[in-house]
C-alpha atoms as a PDB file:
ATOM      1  CA  MET A   1     -37.235 158.988  67.482  1.00  0.00           C
ATOM      2  CA  GLU A   2     -33.781 159.724  66.088  1.00  0.00           C
ATOM      3  CA  VAL A   3     -32.666 163.300  66.702  1.00  0.00           C
ATOM      4  CA  ASP A   4     -29.683 164.989  65.091  1.00  0.00           C
ATOM      5  CA  ILE A   5     -28.194 168.455  65.517  1.00  0.00           C
ATOM      6  CA  LEU A   6     -26.652 170.485  62.715  1.00  0.00           C
ATOM      7  CA  GLU A   7     -24.380 173.462  63.266  1.00  0.00           C
ATOM      8  CA  PHE A   8     -23.275 176.036  60.730  1.00  0.00           C
ATOM      9  CA  GLN A   9     -19.688 174.822  60.952  1.00  0.00           C
ATOM     10  CA  VAL A  10     -17.344 172.995  58.599  1.00  0.00           C
ATOM     11  CA  PRO A  11     -17.798 169.257  59.345  1.00  0.00           C
ATOM     12  CA  VAL A  12     -14.494 167.608  60.259  1.00  0.00           C
ATOM     13  CA  GLU A  13     -15.687 164.479  62.073  1.00  0.00           C
ATOM     14  CA  ASN A  14     -15.006 161.074  60.507  1.00  0.00           C
ATOM     15  CA  ASN A  15     -18.545 159.864  61.156  1.00  0.00           C
ATOM     16  CA  LYS A  16     -19.777 162.438  58.632  1.00  0.00           C
ATOM     17  CA  THR A  17     -17.478 161.290  55.814  1.00  0.00           C
ATOM     18  CA  LEU A  18     -18.124 158.479  53.309  1.00  0.00           C
ATOM     19  CA  PHE A  19     -15.764 156.842  50.847  1.00  0.00           C
ATOM     20  CA  VAL A  20     -17.221 155.286  47.697  1.00  0.00           C
ATOM     21  CA  TRP A  21     -15.195 153.095  45.369  1.00  0.00           C
ATOM     22  CA  ASP A  22     -15.526 150.446  42.648  1.00  0.00           C
ATOM     23  CA  ILE A  23     -17.080 153.082  40.412  1.00  0.00           C
ATOM     24  CA  GLN A  24     -16.910 151.878  36.826  1.00  0.00           C
ATOM     25  CA  PRO A  25     -15.362 154.052  34.085  1.00  0.00           C
ATOM     26  CA  SER A  26     -18.412 153.577  31.863  1.00  0.00           C
ATOM     27  CA  HIS A  27     -19.536 157.152  32.606  1.00  0.00           C
ATOM     28  CA  THR A  28     -17.724 160.478  32.502  1.00  0.00           C
ATOM     29  CA  GLU A  29     -16.517 162.068  35.721  1.00  0.00           C
ATOM     30  CA  ALA A  30     -19.170 164.777  35.404  1.00  0.00           C
ATOM     31  CA  GLN A  31     -21.944 162.195  34.949  1.00  0.00           C
ATOM     32  CA  ILE A  32     -20.696 160.189  37.931  1.00  0.00           C
ATOM     33  CA  TYR A  33     -20.760 163.364  40.032  1.00  0.00           C
ATOM     34  CA  GLU A  34     -24.366 164.035  39.054  1.00  0.00           C
ATOM     35  CA  ASP A  35     -25.403 160.429  39.737  1.00  0.00           C
ATOM     36  CA  LEU A  36     -23.715 160.360  43.138  1.00  0.00           C
ATOM     37  CA  TYR A  37     -25.178 163.716  44.091  1.00  0.00           C
ATOM     38  CA  ALA A  38     -28.682 162.566  43.145  1.00  0.00           C
ATOM     39  CA  VAL A  39     -28.321 159.448  45.298  1.00  0.00           C
ATOM     40  CA  PHE A  40     -26.615 160.793  48.413  1.00  0.00           C
ATOM     41  CA  SER A  41     -28.227 164.232  48.631  1.00  0.00           C
ATOM     42  CA  SER A  42     -31.539 162.420  49.092  1.00  0.00           C
ATOM     43  CA  PHE A  43     -30.330 161.484  52.593  1.00  0.00           C
ATOM     44  CA  GLY A  44     -29.467 165.047  53.594  1.00  0.00           C
ATOM     45  CA  PRO A  45     -27.504 168.159  52.591  1.00  0.00           C
ATOM     46  CA  LEU A  46     -23.933 167.551  51.459  1.00  0.00           C
ATOM     47  CA  TYR A  47     -20.977 169.706  52.387  1.00  0.00           C
ATOM     48  CA  LEU A  48     -18.618 168.077  49.909  1.00  0.00           C
ATOM     49  CA  LEU A  49     -18.739 165.627  47.012  1.00  0.00           C
ATOM     50  CA  LYS A  50     -15.500 164.946  45.157  1.00  0.00           C
ATOM     51  CA  VAL A  51     -14.949 162.403  42.379  1.00  0.00           C
ATOM     52  CA  CYS A  52     -11.392 161.332  41.549  1.00  0.00           C
ATOM     53  CA  PRO A  53      -9.887 158.841  39.061  1.00  0.00           C
ATOM     54  CA  ASN A  54      -8.185 155.769  40.483  1.00  0.00           C
ATOM     55  CA  ALA A  55      -4.414 155.803  40.874  1.00  0.00           C
ATOM     56  CA  PRO A  56      -2.462 154.668  37.787  1.00  0.00           C
ATOM     57  CA  LEU A  57      -1.510 151.279  39.308  1.00  0.00           C
ATOM     58  CA  ASN A  58      -5.154 150.435  40.058  1.00  0.00           C
ATOM     59  CA  PRO A  59      -7.791 149.253  37.550  1.00  0.00           C
ATOM     60  CA  PRO A  60      -9.525 152.038  35.578  1.00  0.00           C
ATOM     61  CA  GLY A  61     -12.391 153.662  37.422  1.00  0.00           C
ATOM     62  CA  PHE A  62     -13.204 156.275  40.019  1.00  0.00           C
ATOM     63  CA  TYR A  63     -13.668 156.767  43.731  1.00  0.00           C
ATOM     64  CA  ALA A  64     -15.524 159.488  45.615  1.00  0.00           C
ATOM     65  CA  LEU A  65     -15.369 161.377  48.895  1.00  0.00           C
ATOM     66  CA  ILE A  66     -18.695 162.532  50.351  1.00  0.00           C
ATOM     67  CA  LYS A  67     -19.047 164.679  53.456  1.00  0.00           C
ATOM     68  CA  PHE A  68     -22.375 165.257  55.216  1.00  0.00           C
ATOM     69  CA  TYR A  69     -23.299 167.866  57.792  1.00  0.00           C
ATOM     70  CA  SER A  70     -25.069 165.172  59.819  1.00  0.00           C
ATOM     71  CA  ALA A  71     -23.487 162.018  61.235  1.00  0.00           C
ATOM     72  CA  ALA A  72     -26.864 160.268  61.377  1.00  0.00           C
ATOM     73  CA  GLN A  73     -27.566 161.018  57.720  1.00  0.00           C
ATOM     74  CA  ALA A  74     -24.103 159.806  56.718  1.00  0.00           C
ATOM     75  CA  SER A  75     -24.615 156.549  58.619  1.00  0.00           C
ATOM     76  CA  LYS A  76     -28.027 155.999  57.051  1.00  0.00           C
ATOM     77  CA  ALA A  77     -26.642 156.681  53.580  1.00  0.00           C
ATOM     78  CA  GLN A  78     -23.838 154.171  54.121  1.00  0.00           C
ATOM     79  CA  ARG A  79     -26.188 151.423  55.261  1.00  0.00           C
ATOM     80  CA  GLN A  80     -28.627 151.878  52.407  1.00  0.00           C
ATOM     81  CA  THR A  81     -26.136 152.262  49.539  1.00  0.00           C
ATOM     82  CA  ASP A  82     -23.296 149.864  50.355  1.00  0.00           C
ATOM     83  CA  GLY A  83     -23.344 146.870  47.988  1.00  0.00           C
ATOM     84  CA  ARG A  84     -26.119 148.339  45.829  1.00  0.00           C
ATOM     85  CA  LEU A  85     -26.025 148.780  42.065  1.00  0.00           C
ATOM     86  CA  LEU A  86     -27.407 152.318  42.155  1.00  0.00           C
ATOM     87  CA  PHE A  87     -26.438 153.869  38.793  1.00  0.00           C
ATOM     88  CA  GLN A  88     -24.159 151.127  37.394  1.00  0.00           C
ATOM     89  CA  SER A  89     -24.227 147.398  36.657  1.00  0.00           C
ATOM     90  CA  SER A  90     -21.929 146.383  39.547  1.00  0.00           C
ATOM     91  CA  PRO A  91     -22.359 147.136  43.264  1.00  0.00           C
ATOM     92  CA  LEU A  92     -20.594 150.048  44.919  1.00  0.00           C
ATOM     93  CA  LYS A  93     -18.592 149.878  48.112  1.00  0.00           C
ATOM     94  CA  VAL A  94     -19.515 152.597  50.591  1.00  0.00           C
ATOM     95  CA  ARG A  95     -17.748 152.968  53.928  1.00  0.00           C
ATOM     96  CA  LEU A  96     -17.586 155.500  56.722  1.00  0.00           C
ATOM     97  CA  SER A  97     -14.164 157.061  57.127  1.00  0.00           C
ATOM     98  CA  SER A  98     -11.952 155.113  59.509  1.00  0.00           C
ATOM     99  CA  LYS A  99      -9.156 157.666  59.566  1.00  0.00           C
ATOM    100  CA  GLN A 100      -8.685 159.111  63.031  1.00  0.00           C
ATOM    101  CA  THR A 101      -9.450 162.801  63.277  1.00  0.00           C
ATOM    102  CA  PRO A 102      -6.359 164.762  64.403  1.00  0.00           C
ATOM    103  CA  HIS A 103      -6.679 165.930  67.988  1.00  0.00           C
ATOM    104  CA  PHE A 104      -6.209 169.568  66.992  1.00  0.00           C
ATOM    105  CA  LEU A 105      -9.319 169.323  64.800  1.00  0.00           C
ATOM    106  CA  CYS A 106     -11.537 167.581  67.337  1.00  0.00           C
ATOM    107  CA  ASP A 107     -12.163 170.730  69.364  1.00  0.00           C
ATOM    108  CA  SER A 108     -11.814 173.219  66.514  1.00  0.00           C
ATOM    109  CA  SER A 109     -14.754 174.796  64.767  1.00  0.00           C
ATOM    110  CA  ARG A 110     -14.689 176.891  61.648  1.00  0.00           C
ATOM    111  CA  PRO A 111     -17.842 178.698  60.506  1.00  0.00           C
ATOM    112  CA  LEU A 112     -19.281 177.939  57.111  1.00  0.00           C
ATOM    113  CA  SER A 113     -18.825 180.390  54.301  1.00  0.00           C
ATOM    114  CA  HIS A 114     -21.634 182.788  53.459  1.00  0.00           C
ATOM    115  CA  ALA A 115     -22.720 180.684  50.456  1.00  0.00           C
ATOM    116  CA  ARG A 116     -22.697 177.468  52.507  1.00  0.00           C
ATOM    117  CA  CYS A 117     -24.787 179.066  55.265  1.00  0.00           C
ATOM    118  CA  LEU A 118     -27.437 180.062  52.746  1.00  0.00           C
ATOM    119  CA  GLU A 119     -27.372 176.619  51.151  1.00  0.00           C
ATOM    120  CA  LEU A 120     -27.807 174.770  54.444  1.00  0.00           C
ATOM    121  CA  ALA A 121     -30.481 177.130  55.786  1.00  0.00           C
ATOM    122  CA  ASN A 122     -32.509 176.993  52.575  1.00  0.00           C
ATOM    123  CA  HIS A 123     -32.244 173.202  52.390  1.00  0.00           C
ATOM    124  CA  CYS A 124     -33.426 172.608  55.957  1.00  0.00           C
ATOM    125  CA  LEU A 125     -35.813 175.533  56.477  1.00  0.00           C
ATOM    126  CA  GLY A 126     -36.902 176.576  52.999  1.00  0.00           C
ATOM    127  CA  PHE A 127     -36.467 179.961  51.382  1.00  0.00           C
ATOM    128  CA  ASN A 128     -39.202 181.448  53.588  1.00  0.00           C
ATOM    129  CA  GLY A 129     -37.956 179.847  56.801  1.00  0.00           C
ATOM    130  CA  TRP A 130     -35.574 182.636  57.783  1.00  0.00           C
ATOM    131  CA  THR A 131     -35.001 186.337  57.226  1.00  0.00           C
ATOM    132  CA  SER A 132     -32.086 188.714  57.744  1.00  0.00           C
ATOM    133  CA  ASP A 133     -32.322 192.451  58.342  1.00  0.00           C
ATOM    134  CA  ILE A 134     -29.533 195.004  58.523  1.00  0.00           C
ATOM    135  CA  ILE A 135     -29.945 197.126  61.630  1.00  0.00           C
ATOM    136  CA  THR A 136     -27.042 199.404  60.815  1.00  0.00           C
ATOM    137  CA  LEU A 137     -24.236 199.499  58.293  1.00  0.00           C
ATOM    138  CA  LYS A 138     -21.712 202.205  58.958  1.00  0.00           C
ATOM    139  CA  GLU A 139     -18.351 203.387  57.695  1.00  0.00           C
ATOM    140  CA  LEU A 140     -15.869 203.510  60.568  1.00  0.00           C
ATOM    141  CA  THR A 141     -12.900 205.071  58.796  1.00  0.00           C
ATOM    142  CA  ASN A 142     -11.190 207.777  60.823  1.00  0.00           C
ATOM    143  CA  GLU A 143     -10.309 210.982  59.024  1.00  0.00           C
ATOM    144  CA  GLU A 144      -6.609 210.558  59.782  1.00  0.00           C
ATOM    145  CA  GLU A 145      -6.775 207.047  58.278  1.00  0.00           C
ATOM    146  CA  GLU A 146      -8.589 208.143  55.140  1.00  0.00           C
ATOM    147  CA  GLU A 147      -5.455 209.335  53.372  1.00  0.00           C
ATOM    148  CA  GLU A 148      -1.822 209.164  54.509  1.00  0.00           C
ATOM    149  CA  GLU A 149       1.686 209.032  53.049  1.00  0.00           C
ATOM    150  CA  GLU A 150       3.368 205.662  52.693  1.00  0.00           C
ATOM    151  CA  GLU A 151       6.817 205.229  54.198  1.00  0.00           C
ATOM    152  CA  GLY A 152       9.622 205.698  51.705  1.00  0.00           C
ATOM    153  CA  GLY A 153       7.645 208.010  49.433  1.00  0.00           C
ATOM    154  CA  GLY A 154       5.721 205.190  47.765  1.00  0.00           C
ATOM    155  CA  GLY A 155       2.597 207.280  47.334  1.00  0.00           C
ATOM    156  CA  GLN A 156      -0.614 207.749  49.251  1.00  0.00           C
ATOM    157  CA  TRP A 157      -2.585 204.910  50.793  1.00  0.00           C
ATOM    158  CA  ARG A 158      -6.115 204.647  52.087  1.00  0.00           C
ATOM    159  CA  ARG A 159      -7.698 202.572  54.793  1.00  0.00           C
ATOM    160  CA  LEU A 160     -11.437 201.903  54.764  1.00  0.00           C
ATOM    161  CA  LYS A 161     -13.419 200.251  57.552  1.00  0.00           C
ATOM    162  CA  PHE A 162     -17.066 199.277  57.699  1.00  0.00           C
ATOM    163  CA  GLY A 163     -19.195 197.808  60.473  1.00  0.00           C
ATOM    164  CA  CYS A 164     -22.511 196.014  60.256  1.00  0.00           C
ATOM    165  CA  LEU A 165     -25.077 194.955  62.847  1.00  0.00           C
ATOM    166  CA  LEU A 166     -27.502 192.361  61.498  1.00  0.00           C
ATOM    167  CA  GLN A 167     -30.549 190.535  62.816  1.00  0.00           C
ATOM    168  CA  LEU A 168     -31.318 186.949  61.832  1.00  0.00           C
ATOM    169  CA  SER A 169     -34.871 185.734  62.442  1.00  0.00           C
ATOM    170  CA  PHE A 170     -36.717 182.435  62.175  1.00  0.00           C
ATOM    171  CA  PRO A 171     -40.389 183.464  62.186  1.00  0.00           C
ATOM    172  CA  HIS A 172     -41.812 179.934  62.309  1.00  0.00           C
ATOM    173  CA  HIS A 173     -39.736 179.114  65.381  1.00  0.00           C
ATOM    174  CA  ALA A 174     -39.920 182.443  67.256  1.00  0.00           C
ATOM    175  CA  GLN A 175     -36.143 182.738  67.383  1.00  0.00           C
ATOM    176  CA  THR A 176     -34.042 185.843  66.734  1.00  0.00           C
ATOM    177  CA  THR A 177     -30.337 186.515  67.059  1.00  0.00           C
ATOM    178  CA  ARG A 178     -28.024 189.396  66.228  1.00  0.00           C
ATOM    179  CA  ALA A 179     -24.386 189.598  65.207  1.00  0.00           C
ATOM    180  CA  ALA A 180     -21.896 192.278  64.249  1.00  0.00           C
ATOM    181  CA  ALA A 181     -18.773 192.389  62.120  1.00  0.00           C
ATOM    182  CA  VAL A 182     -16.147 194.952  61.188  1.00  0.00           C
ATOM    183  CA  VAL A 183     -13.843 194.584  58.189  1.00  0.00           C
ATOM    184  CA  GLU A 184     -11.192 196.824  56.707  1.00  0.00           C
ATOM    185  CA  ASP A 185      -9.368 197.302  53.418  1.00  0.00           C
ATOM    186  CA  ARG A 186      -5.997 198.967  53.122  1.00  0.00           C
ATOM    187  CA  PHE A 187      -4.723 199.915  49.675  1.00  0.00           C
ATOM    188  CA  THR A 188      -2.474 202.377  47.895  1.00  0.00           C
ATOM    189  CA  CYS A 189      -3.642 204.834  45.320  1.00  0.00           C
ATOM    190  CA  THR A 190      -0.855 203.968  42.902  1.00  0.00           C
ATOM    191  CA  GLY A 191       0.293 200.537  44.021  1.00  0.00           C
ATOM    192  CA  GLU A 192      -1.055 197.351  45.445  1.00  0.00           C
ATOM    193  CA  ASP A 193      -4.482 196.453  46.702  1.00  0.00           C
ATOM    194  CA  ARG A 194      -3.986 194.004  49.532  1.00  0.00           C
ATOM    195  CA  PHE A 195      -7.634 192.971  49.751  1.00  0.00           C
ATOM    196  CA  THR A 196      -8.212 189.594  48.106  1.00  0.00           C
ATOM    197  CA  CYS A 197     -11.003 187.246  49.147  1.00  0.00           C
ATOM    198  CA  THR A 198     -10.093 183.617  48.448  1.00  0.00           C
ATOM    199  CA  GLY A 199     -10.935 180.188  49.793  1.00  0.00           C
ATOM    200  CA  GLU A 200     -14.219 178.382  50.114  1.00  0.00           C
ATOM    201  CA  ASP A 201     -14.883 178.655  53.827  1.00  0.00           C
ATOM    202  CA  ARG A 202     -12.842 181.558  55.088  1.00  0.00           C
ATOM    203  CA  PHE A 203     -11.536 184.944  54.037  1.00  0.00           C
ATOM    204  CA  THR A 204      -7.776 185.193  53.626  1.00  0.00           C
ATOM    205  CA  CYS A 205      -5.510 187.975  52.489  1.00  0.00           C
ATOM    206  CA  THR A 206      -3.370 186.569  49.706  1.00  0.00           C
ATOM    207  CA  GLY A 207      -1.989 187.840  46.460  1.00  0.00           C
ATOM    208  CA  GLU A 208      -1.951 191.337  45.071  1.00  0.00           C
ATOM    209  CA  ASP A 209      -4.469 193.102  42.877  1.00  0.00           C
ATOM    210  CA  ARG A 210      -2.876 196.175  41.301  1.00  0.00           C
ATOM    211  CA  PHE A 211      -4.923 199.160  40.312  1.00  0.00           C
ATOM    212  CA  THR A 212      -4.563 202.919  39.985  1.00  0.00           C
ATOM    213  CA  CYS A 213      -6.727 205.234  42.049  1.00  0.00           C
ATOM    214  CA  THR A 214      -7.813 207.681  39.360  1.00  0.00           C
ATOM    215  CA  GLY A 215     -11.058 209.080  40.700  1.00  0.00           C
ATOM    216  CA  PRO A 216     -13.975 208.843  43.105  1.00  0.00           C
ATOM    217  CA  ASP A 217     -15.475 205.932  41.144  1.00  0.00           C
ATOM    218  CA  VAL A 218     -12.641 203.662  42.356  1.00  0.00           C
ATOM    219  CA  LEU A 219     -13.289 204.524  46.002  1.00  0.00           C
ATOM    220  CA  LEU A 220     -16.999 204.004  45.443  1.00  0.00           C
ATOM    221  CA  GLN A 221     -16.313 200.526  44.089  1.00  0.00           C
ATOM    222  CA  LYS A 222     -14.102 199.748  47.075  1.00  0.00           C
ATOM    223  CA  ARG A 223     -16.755 200.947  49.507  1.00  0.00           C
ATOM    224  CA  CYS A 224     -19.456 198.879  47.794  1.00  0.00           C
ATOM    225  CA  LYS A 225     -17.195 195.833  47.908  1.00  0.00           C
ATOM    226  CA  LEU A 226     -16.492 196.257  51.614  1.00  0.00           C
ATOM    227  CA  GLN A 227     -20.168 196.820  52.408  1.00  0.00           C
ATOM    228  CA  LYS A 228     -21.012 193.514  50.725  1.00  0.00           C
ATOM    229  CA  VAL A 229     -18.244 191.669  52.579  1.00  0.00           C
ATOM    230  CA  VAL A 230     -19.171 193.044  56.000  1.00  0.00           C
ATOM    231  CA  ARG A 231     -22.859 192.173  55.469  1.00  0.00           C
ATOM    232  CA  GLU A 232     -21.923 188.615  54.560  1.00  0.00           C
ATOM    233  CA  LYS A 233     -19.552 188.314  57.510  1.00  0.00           C
ATOM    234  CA  ALA A 234     -22.207 189.541  59.957  1.00  0.00           C
ATOM    235  CA  LEU A 235     -24.656 186.965  58.579  1.00  0.00           C
ATOM    236  CA  VAL A 236     -22.061 184.209  58.983  1.00  0.00           C
ATOM    237  CA  GLN A 237     -21.507 185.329  62.589  1.00  0.00           C
ATOM    238  CA  ALA A 238     -25.260 185.183  63.213  1.00  0.00           C
ATOM    239  CA  PHE A 239     -25.648 181.705  61.716  1.00  0.00           C
ATOM    240  CA  ALA A 240     -22.755 180.500  63.895  1.00  0.00           C
ATOM    241  CA  THR A 241     -25.075 180.768  66.941  1.00  0.00           C
ATOM    242  CA  VAL A 242     -27.848 178.677  65.342  1.00  0.00           C
ATOM    243  CA  LEU A 243     -28.593 174.996  65.950  1.00  0.00           C
ATOM    244  CA  LEU A 244     -30.837 173.032  63.580  1.00  0.00           C
ATOM    245  CA  ILE A 245     -32.453 170.089  65.378  1.00  0.00           C
ATOM    246  CA  LEU A 246     -33.629 167.395  62.962  1.00  0.00           C
ATOM    247  CA  LEU A 247     -36.519 165.433  64.461  1.00  0.00           C
ATOM    248  CA  GLY A 248     -37.210 163.074  61.582  1.00  0.00           C
ATOM    249  CA  GLY A 249     -40.064 163.086  59.122  1.00  0.00           C
ATOM    250  CA  GLY A 250     -38.862 166.386  57.720  1.00  0.00           C
ATOM    251  CA  LYS A 251     -39.443 168.253  60.986  1.00  0.00           C
ATOM    252  CA  VAL A 252     -36.844 170.800  62.045  1.00  0.00           C
ATOM    253  CA  MET A 253     -36.502 172.879  65.216  1.00  0.00           C
ATOM    254  CA  VAL A 254     -34.319 175.970  65.580  1.00  0.00           C
ATOM    255  CA  GLU A 255     -32.468 176.761  68.790  1.00  0.00           C
ATOM    256  CA  LEU A 256     -29.807 179.328  69.598  1.00  0.00           C
ATOM    257  CA  LYS A 257     -26.502 178.721  71.323  1.00  0.00           C
ATOM    258  CA  GLN A 258     -25.862 181.047  74.235  1.00  0.00           C
ATOM    259  CA  THR A 259     -22.418 182.516  73.718  1.00  0.00           C
ATOM    260  CA  SER A 260     -20.551 185.234  75.571  1.00  0.00           C
ATOM    261  CA  ASP A 261     -20.361 187.440  72.455  1.00  0.00           C
ATOM    262  CA  GLN A 262     -23.959 186.972  71.342  1.00  0.00           C
ATOM    263  CA  PHE A 263     -26.020 190.128  70.830  1.00  0.00           C
ATOM    264  CA  LEU A 264     -29.621 190.073  72.006  1.00  0.00           C
ATOM    265  CA  PRO A 265     -32.162 192.634  70.770  1.00  0.00           C
ATOM    266  CA  GLU A 266     -32.503 194.297  74.153  1.00  0.00           C
ATOM    267  CA  GLN A 267     -28.722 194.645  74.398  1.00  0.00           C
ATOM    268  CA  THR A 268     -28.224 196.474  71.104  1.00  0.00           C
ATOM    269  CA  GLU A 269     -30.428 199.500  71.519  1.00  0.00           C
ATOM    270  CA  GLY A 270     -28.623 202.795  71.122  1.00  0.00           C
ATOM    271  CA  VAL A 271     -24.858 202.326  70.973  1.00  0.00           C
ATOM    272  CA  LEU A 272     -23.163 199.015  70.340  1.00  0.00           C
ATOM    273  CA  GLN A 273     -19.457 198.306  70.944  1.00  0.00           C
ATOM    274  CA  VAL A 274     -17.992 195.496  68.825  1.00  0.00           C
ATOM    275  CA  ASN A 275     -14.529 194.121  68.382  1.00  0.00           C
ATOM    276  CA  GLU A 276     -12.807 194.893  65.112  1.00  0.00           C
ATOM    277  CA  LEU A 277     -12.367 191.864  62.823  1.00  0.00           C
ATOM    278  CA  THR A 278      -9.206 192.265  60.781  1.00  0.00           C
ATOM    279  CA  TRP A 279      -8.332 190.061  57.823  1.00  0.00           C
ATOM    280  CA  SER A 280      -5.755 188.262  59.956  1.00  0.00           C
ATOM    281  CA  GLN A 281      -8.535 187.197  62.319  1.00  0.00           C
ATOM    282  CA  LEU A 282     -10.584 185.873  59.412  1.00  0.00           C
ATOM    283  CA  ALA A 283      -7.563 183.820  58.336  1.00  0.00           C
ATOM    284  CA  PRO A 284      -6.370 181.801  61.366  1.00  0.00           C
ATOM    285  CA  ASP A 285      -2.948 181.182  59.787  1.00  0.00           C
ATOM    286  CA  GLU A 286      -2.128 184.873  59.706  1.00  0.00           C
ATOM    287  CA  GLU A 287      -0.735 186.871  62.632  1.00  0.00           C
ATOM    288  CA  GLU A 288      -3.452 188.445  64.723  1.00  0.00           C
ATOM    289  CA  ASP A 289      -3.710 192.204  65.169  1.00  0.00           C
ATOM    290  CA  ASP A 290      -4.701 194.024  68.331  1.00  0.00           C
ATOM    291  CA  ASP A 291      -8.440 194.407  68.823  1.00  0.00           C
ATOM    292  CA  ASP A 292      -9.925 197.880  68.662  1.00  0.00           C
ATOM    293  CA  GLU A 293     -13.426 198.894  69.625  1.00  0.00           C
ATOM    294  CA  TRP A 294     -15.696 200.743  67.262  1.00  0.00           C
ATOM    295  CA  ASP A 295     -18.941 202.537  67.758  1.00  0.00           C
ATOM    296  CA  LEU A 296     -21.964 201.314  65.789  1.00  0.00           C
ATOM    297  CA  THR A 297     -24.797 203.714  66.570  1.00  0.00           C
ATOM    298  CA  VAL A 298     -28.249 202.372  65.878  1.00  0.00           C
ATOM    299  CA  SER A 299     -30.385 205.071  64.337  1.00  0.00           C
END
C-alpha cells in the first residue's frame, strides 16, 4: 500500500512539480486552465496551476506549471497523462521538474496561507472533518502604547496588539492541537498606516495606506481587522503541526508533529505565555524585532 504524507507547508520539492507543454492554441488561456485543472486535480489537491503562452520564437501555443502537495500524486499524474490527448487532438508532454532545488530551500519550510490551509483541509478531510475554536482573544495594548507623540511633531500615533489562543480539533481522528499568535499594528492618526497584508503565502509589511483618524469608528475598524488577522494566524500556526497521512482508497489519517513550541490542552490552563509575532517575523526578508512575552489569560 502506497502511503504519502502531506504537510501544511508551501511545496518546494521538484518531485511535486510538473511541466506540461505542446498545448495547442485552439482554446483560450482561461479554457486551457479549466481543462488542465479538471484533469490534474483528479489526482490530488493542487497548490499551483499556471498557464503561460509560449515564447515569441517558439510555435504558437501554451505551456503550464503544476505543483502538487504530494510527490506520489504528482508522479502518478505524470505517468497517466504524458503522451495522452486529454482535452486536445494532439498528445501533451508532461514531465516532472528536473531543475535542482536550491540547497537553501531544501531544509526551509514556509507555512501555507490561511486560505490554502482551509482549502487543503477541506479537500482531504471534508468540511466536517475538522473544527477550530477560539479559547481566548485578547487585546494586549499597553496604556502607554495606546497613544503617544511621534518624534519631530508629526502627530499622534497608536499601537494596537492582539493575541489569540486557538484549538484545532479532528473529531474523527481523536486529535487536538493548540496554537497562539500575537500581531500588532502601528499607525498614525494623521499620517500613514503601516499595516498592509500582501502576498499569497505570508504576511508582509509593504506600502502605505493613508487615512485620517477622525473618530472611534476608525479604531473600531482597526481592532476588527487585527482580530481577524490574529485568528487566521493562530489557525495557520495550528495547522503547521498537522500531518495528513494518505493511505490510498480515499483514506486519510491525521497525526500531530511534536514541536518544542506546541501547546497541549493540559499546558494552557490558566495563564499562557506566548512570544510576540511582529510583522517582521511574518515576513522573513524583514529585520527581526526582539521577542516580548505577553499574558493571555484563559477565562
